[in-house]
């Protein structure tokens, strides 16, 4: 038996359409804004945002809450 089209993904209690992306929500922490998930033909893929290495003594997270940046 074949499916009629691309399959959706289930993550937690929600369903996501093929090629849809989202930030996962993980209780008790809430939405994980530094992680992006997406649905590909019924499979969920997630990846943490990649950040450049810190090259200073006192980095800050001013512009991007996921990555540190030198002052």
PDB file of N, CA and C in Angstrom:
ATOM      1  N   UNK A   1       0.842  -1.181   0.000  1.00  0.00           N
ATOM      2  CA  UNK A   1       0.000   0.000   0.000  1.00  0.00           C
ATOM      3  C   UNK A   1       0.887   1.244   0.000  1.00  0.00           C
ATOM      4  N   UNK A   2       0.663   2.177  -0.896  1.00  0.00           N
ATOM      5  CA  UNK A   2       1.447   3.391  -0.984  1.00  0.00           C
ATOM      6  C   UNK A   2       0.653   4.585  -0.471  1.00  0.00           C
ATOM      7  N   UNK A   3       1.389   5.555   0.067  1.00  0.00           N
ATOM      8  CA  UNK A   3       0.751   6.794   0.515  1.00  0.00           C
ATOM      9  C   UNK A   3       0.431   7.654  -0.701  1.00  0.00           C
ATOM     10  N   UNK A   4      -0.572   8.500  -0.589  1.00  0.00           N
ATOM     11  CA  UNK A   4      -0.980   9.368  -1.686  1.00  0.00           C
ATOM     12  C   UNK A   4      -0.054  10.561  -1.884  1.00  0.00           C
ATOM     13  N   UNK A   5       0.701  10.924  -0.868  1.00  0.00           N
ATOM     14  CA  UNK A   5       1.581  12.083  -0.968  1.00  0.00           C
ATOM     15  C   UNK A   5       2.605  12.056   0.147  1.00  0.00           C
ATOM     16  N   UNK A   6       3.372  13.142   0.309  1.00  0.00           N
ATOM     17  CA  UNK A   6       4.367  13.204   1.374  1.00  0.00           C
ATOM     18  C   UNK A   6       3.720  13.029   2.744  1.00  0.00           C
ATOM     19  N   UNK A   7       4.407  12.319   3.597  1.00  0.00           N
ATOM     20  CA  UNK A   7       3.865  12.060   4.932  1.00  0.00           C
ATOM     21  C   UNK A   7       4.177  13.200   5.892  1.00  0.00           C
ATOM     22  N   UNK A   8       3.309  13.384   6.857  1.00  0.00           N
ATOM     23  CA  UNK A   8       3.495  14.389   7.902  1.00  0.00           C
ATOM     24  C   UNK A   8       4.342  13.783   9.022  1.00  0.00           C
ATOM     25  N   UNK A   9       4.805  14.636   9.922  1.00  0.00           N
ATOM     26  CA  UNK A   9       5.625  14.209  11.058  1.00  0.00           C
ATOM     27  C   UNK A   9       4.893  14.516  12.355  1.00  0.00           C
ATOM     28  N   UNK A  10       5.052  13.632  13.313  1.00  0.00           N
ATOM     29  CA  UNK A  10       4.502  13.889  14.642  1.00  0.00           C
ATOM     30  C   UNK A  10       5.658  14.199  15.573  1.00  0.00           C
ATOM     31  N   UNK A  11       5.532  15.309  16.296  1.00  0.00           N
ATOM     32  CA  UNK A  11       6.525  15.695  17.295  1.00  0.00           C
ATOM     33  C   UNK A  11       5.759  16.079  18.539  1.00  0.00           C
ATOM     34  N   UNK A  12       5.918  15.306  19.591  1.00  0.00           N
ATOM     35  CA  UNK A  12       5.117  15.526  20.797  1.00  0.00           C
ATOM     36  C   UNK A  12       3.656  15.226  20.494  1.00  0.00           C
ATOM     37  N   UNK A  13       2.803  16.170  20.753  1.00  0.00           N
ATOM     38  CA  UNK A  13       1.368  16.004  20.501  1.00  0.00           C
ATOM     39  C   UNK A  13       0.911  16.662  19.206  1.00  0.00           C
ATOM     40  N   UNK A  14       1.839  17.262  18.449  1.00  0.00           N
ATOM     41  CA  UNK A  14       1.471  17.997  17.231  1.00  0.00           C
ATOM     42  C   UNK A  14       1.925  17.266  15.984  1.00  0.00           C
ATOM     43  N   UNK A  15       1.230  17.533  14.896  1.00  0.00           N
ATOM     44  CA  UNK A  15       1.584  17.018  13.576  1.00  0.00           C
ATOM     45  C   UNK A  15       2.074  18.185  12.732  1.00  0.00           C
ATOM     46  N   UNK A  16       3.106  17.936  11.924  1.00  0.00           N
ATOM     47  CA  UNK A  16       3.671  18.950  11.040  1.00  0.00           C
ATOM     48  C   UNK A  16       3.674  18.414   9.611  1.00  0.00           C
ATOM     49  N   UNK A  17       3.374  19.286   8.661  1.00  0.00           N
ATOM     50  CA  UNK A  17       3.330  18.903   7.260  1.00  0.00           C
ATOM     51  C   UNK A  17       4.743  18.707   6.714  1.00  0.00           C
ATOM     52  N   UNK A  18       4.849  17.974   5.618  1.00  0.00           N
ATOM     53  CA  UNK A  18       6.125  17.782   4.958  1.00  0.00           C
ATOM     54  C   UNK A  18       6.722  19.150   4.603  1.00  0.00           C
ATOM     55  N   UNK A  19       8.004  19.338   4.844  1.00  0.00           N
ATOM     56  CA  UNK A  19       8.765  20.577   4.609  1.00  0.00           C
ATOM     57  C   UNK A  19       8.442  21.701   5.590  1.00  0.00           C
ATOM     58  N   UNK A  20       7.612  21.455   6.585  1.00  0.00           N
ATOM     59  CA  UNK A  20       7.320  22.474   7.598  1.00  0.00           C
ATOM     60  C   UNK A  20       8.441  22.479   8.628  1.00  0.00           C
ATOM     61  N   UNK A  21       8.784  23.664   9.147  1.00  0.00           N
ATOM     62  CA  UNK A  21       9.817  23.760  10.185  1.00  0.00           C
ATOM     63  C   UNK A  21       9.233  24.434  11.423  1.00  0.00           C
ATOM     64  N   UNK A  22       9.868  24.176  12.581  1.00  0.00           N
ATOM     65  CA  UNK A  22       9.379  24.714  13.850  1.00  0.00           C
ATOM     66  C   UNK A  22      10.486  24.658  14.885  1.00  0.00           C
ATOM     67  N   UNK A  23      10.298  25.439  15.943  1.00  0.00           N
ATOM     68  CA  UNK A  23      11.157  25.360  17.127  1.00  0.00           C
ATOM     69  C   UNK A  23      10.440  24.433  18.103  1.00  0.00           C
ATOM     70  N   UNK A  24      11.093  23.367  18.533  1.00  0.00           N
ATOM     71  CA  UNK A  24      10.400  22.423  19.403  1.00  0.00           C
ATOM     72  C   UNK A  24      10.108  23.012  20.780  1.00  0.00           C
ATOM     73  N   UNK A  25       9.052  22.529  21.376  1.00  0.00           N
ATOM     74  CA  UNK A  25       8.698  22.898  22.736  1.00  0.00           C
ATOM     75  C   UNK A  25       8.899  21.670  23.607  1.00  0.00           C
ATOM     76  N   UNK A  26       9.740  21.811  24.629  1.00  0.00           N
ATOM     77  CA  UNK A  26      10.093  20.682  25.487  1.00  0.00           C
ATOM     78  C   UNK A  26       9.741  21.027  26.931  1.00  0.00           C
ATOM     79  N   UNK A  27       8.674  20.387  27.478  1.00  0.00           N
ATOM     80  CA  UNK A  27       8.339  20.647  28.877  1.00  0.00           C
ATOM     81  C   UNK A  27       9.457  20.137  29.781  1.00  0.00           C
ATOM     82  N   UNK A  28       9.804  20.763  30.840  1.00  0.00           N
ATOM     83  CA  UNK A  28       9.247  21.997  31.398  1.00  0.00           C
ATOM     84  C   UNK A  28       9.974  23.247  30.917  1.00  0.00           C
ATOM     85  N   UNK A  29      10.841  23.130  29.895  1.00  0.00           N
ATOM     86  CA  UNK A  29      11.681  24.249  29.464  1.00  0.00           C
ATOM     87  C   UNK A  29      10.978  25.221  28.515  1.00  0.00           C
ATOM     88  N   UNK A  30       9.961  24.767  27.800  1.00  0.00           N
ATOM     89  CA  UNK A  30       9.262  25.630  26.842  1.00  0.00           C
ATOM     90  C   UNK A  30       9.881  25.547  25.460  1.00  0.00           C
ATOM     91  N   UNK A  31       9.665  26.590  24.659  1.00  0.00           N
ATOM     92  CA  UNK A  31      10.151  26.597  23.289  1.00  0.00           C
ATOM     93  C   UNK A  31      11.675  26.721  23.255  1.00  0.00           C
ATOM     94  N   UNK A  32      12.305  25.869  22.461  1.00  0.00           N
ATOM     95  CA  UNK A  32      13.760  25.850  22.328  1.00  0.00           C
ATOM     96  C   UNK A  32      14.127  26.664  21.081  1.00  0.00           C
ATOM     97  N   UNK A  33      14.313  27.968  21.239  1.00  0.00           N
ATOM     98  CA  UNK A  33      14.522  28.869  20.108  1.00  0.00           C
ATOM     99  C   UNK A  33      15.854  28.653  19.390  1.00  0.00           C
ATOM    100  N   UNK A  34      16.803  27.985  20.004  1.00  0.00           N
ATOM    101  CA  UNK A  34      18.106  27.756  19.381  1.00  0.00           C
ATOM    102  C   UNK A  34      18.141  26.435  18.611  1.00  0.00           C
ATOM    103  N   UNK A  35      17.029  25.713  18.594  1.00  0.00           N
ATOM    104  CA  UNK A  35      16.934  24.454  17.860  1.00  0.00           C
ATOM    105  C   UNK A  35      15.833  24.594  16.812  1.00  0.00           C
ATOM    106  N   UNK A  36      16.106  24.114  15.607  1.00  0.00           N
ATOM    107  CA  UNK A  36      15.135  24.140  14.526  1.00  0.00           C
ATOM    108  C   UNK A  36      14.880  22.709  14.081  1.00  0.00           C
ATOM    109  N   UNK A  37      13.608  22.344  13.989  1.00  0.00           N
ATOM    110  CA  UNK A  37      13.212  21.025  13.497  1.00  0.00           C
ATOM    111  C   UNK A  37      12.469  21.198  12.189  1.00  0.00           C
ATOM    112  N   UNK A  38      12.485  20.173  11.347  1.00  0.00           N
ATOM    113  CA  UNK A  38      11.745  20.201  10.101  1.00  0.00           C
ATOM    114  C   UNK A  38      11.320  18.787   9.742  1.00  0.00           C
ATOM    115  N   UNK A  39      10.263  18.704   8.951  1.00  0.00           N
ATOM    116  CA  UNK A  39       9.673  17.428   8.556  1.00  0.00           C
ATOM    117  C   UNK A  39      10.086  17.102   7.126  1.00  0.00           C
ATOM    118  N   UNK A  40      10.627  15.898   6.919  1.00  0.00           N
ATOM    119  CA  UNK A  40      11.030  15.442   5.586  1.00  0.00           C
ATOM    120  C   UNK A  40      10.439  14.051   5.369  1.00  0.00           C
ATOM    121  N   UNK A  41       9.387  13.987   4.588  1.00  0.00           N
ATOM    122  CA  UNK A  41       8.760  12.710   4.212  1.00  0.00           C
ATOM    123  C   UNK A  41       8.464  11.809   5.415  1.00  0.00           C
ATOM    124  N   UNK A  42       7.897  12.399   6.445  1.00  0.00           N
ATOM    125  CA  UNK A  42       7.495  11.630   7.613  1.00  0.00           C
ATOM    126  C   UNK A  42       8.562  11.467   8.676  1.00  0.00           C
ATOM    127  N   UNK A  43       9.758  12.008   8.460  1.00  0.00           N
ATOM    128  CA  UNK A  43      10.838  11.923   9.449  1.00  0.00           C
ATOM    129  C   UNK A  43      11.164  13.313   9.979  1.00  0.00           C
ATOM    130  N   UNK A  44      11.271  13.422  11.300  1.00  0.00           N
ATOM    131  CA  UNK A  44      11.615  14.682  11.934  1.00  0.00           C
ATOM    132  C   UNK A  44      13.128  14.786  12.068  1.00  0.00           C
ATOM    133  N   UNK A  45      13.663  15.935  11.673  1.00  0.00           N
ATOM    134  CA  UNK A  45      15.088  16.225  11.810  1.00  0.00           C
ATOM    135  C   UNK A  45      15.215  17.501  12.624  1.00  0.00           C
ATOM    136  N   UNK A  46      16.144  17.526  13.580  1.00  0.00           N
ATOM    137  CA  UNK A  46      16.360  18.718  14.396  1.00  0.00           C
ATOM    138  C   UNK A  46      17.849  19.035  14.448  1.00  0.00           C
ATOM    139  N   UNK A  47      18.152  20.327  14.539  1.00  0.00           N
ATOM    140  CA  UNK A  47      19.542  20.751  14.613  1.00  0.00           C
ATOM    141  C   UNK A  47      19.641  22.015  15.448  1.00  0.00           C
ATOM    142  N   UNK A  48      20.645  22.029  16.306  1.00  0.00           N
ATOM    143  CA  UNK A  48      20.929  23.230  17.095  1.00  0.00           C
ATOM    144  C   UNK A  48      21.613  24.248  16.189  1.00  0.00           C
ATOM    145  N   UNK A  49      21.305  25.534  16.388  1.00  0.00           N
ATOM    146  CA  UNK A  49      21.928  26.582  15.590  1.00  0.00           C
ATOM    147  C   UNK A  49      23.434  26.540  15.801  1.00  0.00           C
ATOM    148  N   UNK A  50      24.193  26.556  14.719  1.00  0.00           N
ATOM    149  CA  UNK A  50      25.649  26.541  14.818  1.00  0.00           C
ATOM    150  C   UNK A  50      26.151  27.954  15.056  1.00  0.00           C
ATOM    151  N   UNK A  51      27.103  28.068  15.946  1.00  0.00           N
ATOM    152  CA  UNK A  51      27.663  29.363  16.295  1.00  0.00           C
ATOM    153  C   UNK A  51      29.167  29.353  16.039  1.00  0.00           C
ATOM    154  N   UNK A  52      29.731  30.502  15.635  1.00  0.00           N
ATOM    155  CA  UNK A  52      31.182  30.571  15.471  1.00  0.00           C
ATOM    156  C   UNK A  52      31.851  30.475  16.842  1.00  0.00           C
ATOM    157  N   UNK A  53      33.088  29.981  16.899  1.00  0.00           N
ATOM    158  CA  UNK A  53      33.782  29.878  18.192  1.00  0.00           C
ATOM    159  C   UNK A  53      34.056  31.263  18.781  1.00  0.00           C
ATOM    160  N   UNK A  54      34.040  31.348  20.108  1.00  0.00           N
ATOM    161  CA  UNK A  54      34.330  32.610  20.797  1.00  0.00           C
ATOM    162  C   UNK A  54      35.827  32.899  20.692  1.00  0.00           C
ATOM    163  N   UNK A  55      36.157  34.129  20.348  1.00  0.00           N
ATOM    164  CA  UNK A  55      37.556  34.515  20.226  1.00  0.00           C
ATOM    165  C   UNK A  55      37.881  35.691  21.145  1.00  0.00           C
ATOM    166  N   UNK A  56      37.127  35.830  22.228  1.00  0.00           N
ATOM    167  CA  UNK A  56      37.387  36.928  23.151  1.00  0.00           C
ATOM    168  C   UNK A  56      37.221  36.434  24.585  1.00  0.00           C
ATOM    169  N   UNK A  57      37.698  37.263  25.521  1.00  0.00           N
ATOM    170  CA  UNK A  57      37.679  36.868  26.934  1.00  0.00           C
ATOM    171  C   UNK A  57      36.302  36.993  27.570  1.00  0.00           C
ATOM    172  N   UNK A  58      35.494  37.973  27.142  1.00  0.00           N
ATOM    173  CA  UNK A  58      34.185  38.175  27.770  1.00  0.00           C
ATOM    174  C   UNK A  58      33.097  38.305  26.700  1.00  0.00           C
ATOM    175  N   UNK A  59      32.623  37.188  26.155  1.00  0.00           N
ATOM    176  CA  UNK A  59      31.573  37.252  25.131  1.00  0.00           C
ATOM    177  C   UNK A  59      30.219  37.635  25.725  1.00  0.00           C
ATOM    178  N   UNK A  60      29.344  38.161  24.883  1.00  0.00           N
ATOM    179  CA  UNK A  60      27.991  38.546  25.280  1.00  0.00           C
ATOM    180  C   UNK A  60      26.998  37.954  24.286  1.00  0.00           C
ATOM    181  N   UNK A  61      25.718  37.893  24.642  1.00  0.00           N
ATOM    182  CA  UNK A  61      24.679  37.362  23.770  1.00  0.00           C
ATOM    183  C   UNK A  61      23.724  38.478  23.336  1.00  0.00           C
ATOM    184  N   UNK A  62      24.225  39.610  22.970  1.00  0.00           N
ATOM    185  CA  UNK A  62      23.407  40.793  22.716  1.00  0.00           C
ATOM    186  C   UNK A  62      22.464  40.646  21.514  1.00  0.00           C
ATOM    187  N   UNK A  63      22.970  40.358  20.321  1.00  0.00           N
ATOM    188  CA  UNK A  63      22.140  40.319  19.113  1.00  0.00           C
ATOM    189  C   UNK A  63      21.432  38.990  18.909  1.00  0.00           C
ATOM    190  N   UNK A  64      22.061  37.903  19.276  1.00  0.00           N
ATOM    191  CA  UNK A  64      21.529  36.574  19.042  1.00  0.00           C
ATOM    192  C   UNK A  64      21.541  35.799  20.358  1.00  0.00           C
ATOM    193  N   UNK A  65      20.391  35.455  20.922  1.00  0.00           N
ATOM    194  CA  UNK A  65      20.358  34.774  22.212  1.00  0.00           C
ATOM    195  C   UNK A  65      20.952  33.353  22.162  1.00  0.00           C
ATOM    196  N   UNK A  66      21.168  32.810  20.970  1.00  0.00           N
ATOM    197  CA  UNK A  66      21.703  31.448  20.837  1.00  0.00           C
ATOM    198  C   UNK A  66      23.224  31.436  20.759  1.00  0.00           C
ATOM    199  N   UNK A  67      23.822  32.503  20.294  1.00  0.00           N
ATOM    200  CA  UNK A  67      25.280  32.560  20.097  1.00  0.00           C
ATOM    201  C   UNK A  67      25.876  33.741  20.849  1.00  0.00           C
ATOM    202  N   UNK A  68      27.077  33.547  21.343  1.00  0.00           N
ATOM    203  CA  UNK A  68      27.780  34.656  22.005  1.00  0.00           C
ATOM    204  C   UNK A  68      28.539  35.461  20.952  1.00  0.00           C
ATOM    205  N   UNK A  69      28.856  36.700  21.308  1.00  0.00           N
ATOM    206  CA  UNK A  69      29.556  37.600  20.395  1.00  0.00           C
ATOM    207  C   UNK A  69      30.474  38.489  21.226  1.00  0.00           C
ATOM    208  N   UNK A  70      31.626  38.836  20.686  1.00  0.00           N
ATOM    209  CA  UNK A  70      32.535  39.716  21.409  1.00  0.00           C
ATOM    210  C   UNK A  70      31.972  41.135  21.480  1.00  0.00           C
ATOM    211  N   UNK A  71      32.290  41.818  22.560  1.00  0.00           N
ATOM    212  CA  UNK A  71      31.808  43.191  22.744  1.00  0.00           C
ATOM    213  C   UNK A  71      32.524  44.154  21.842  1.00  0.00           C
TER     214      UNK A  71
END
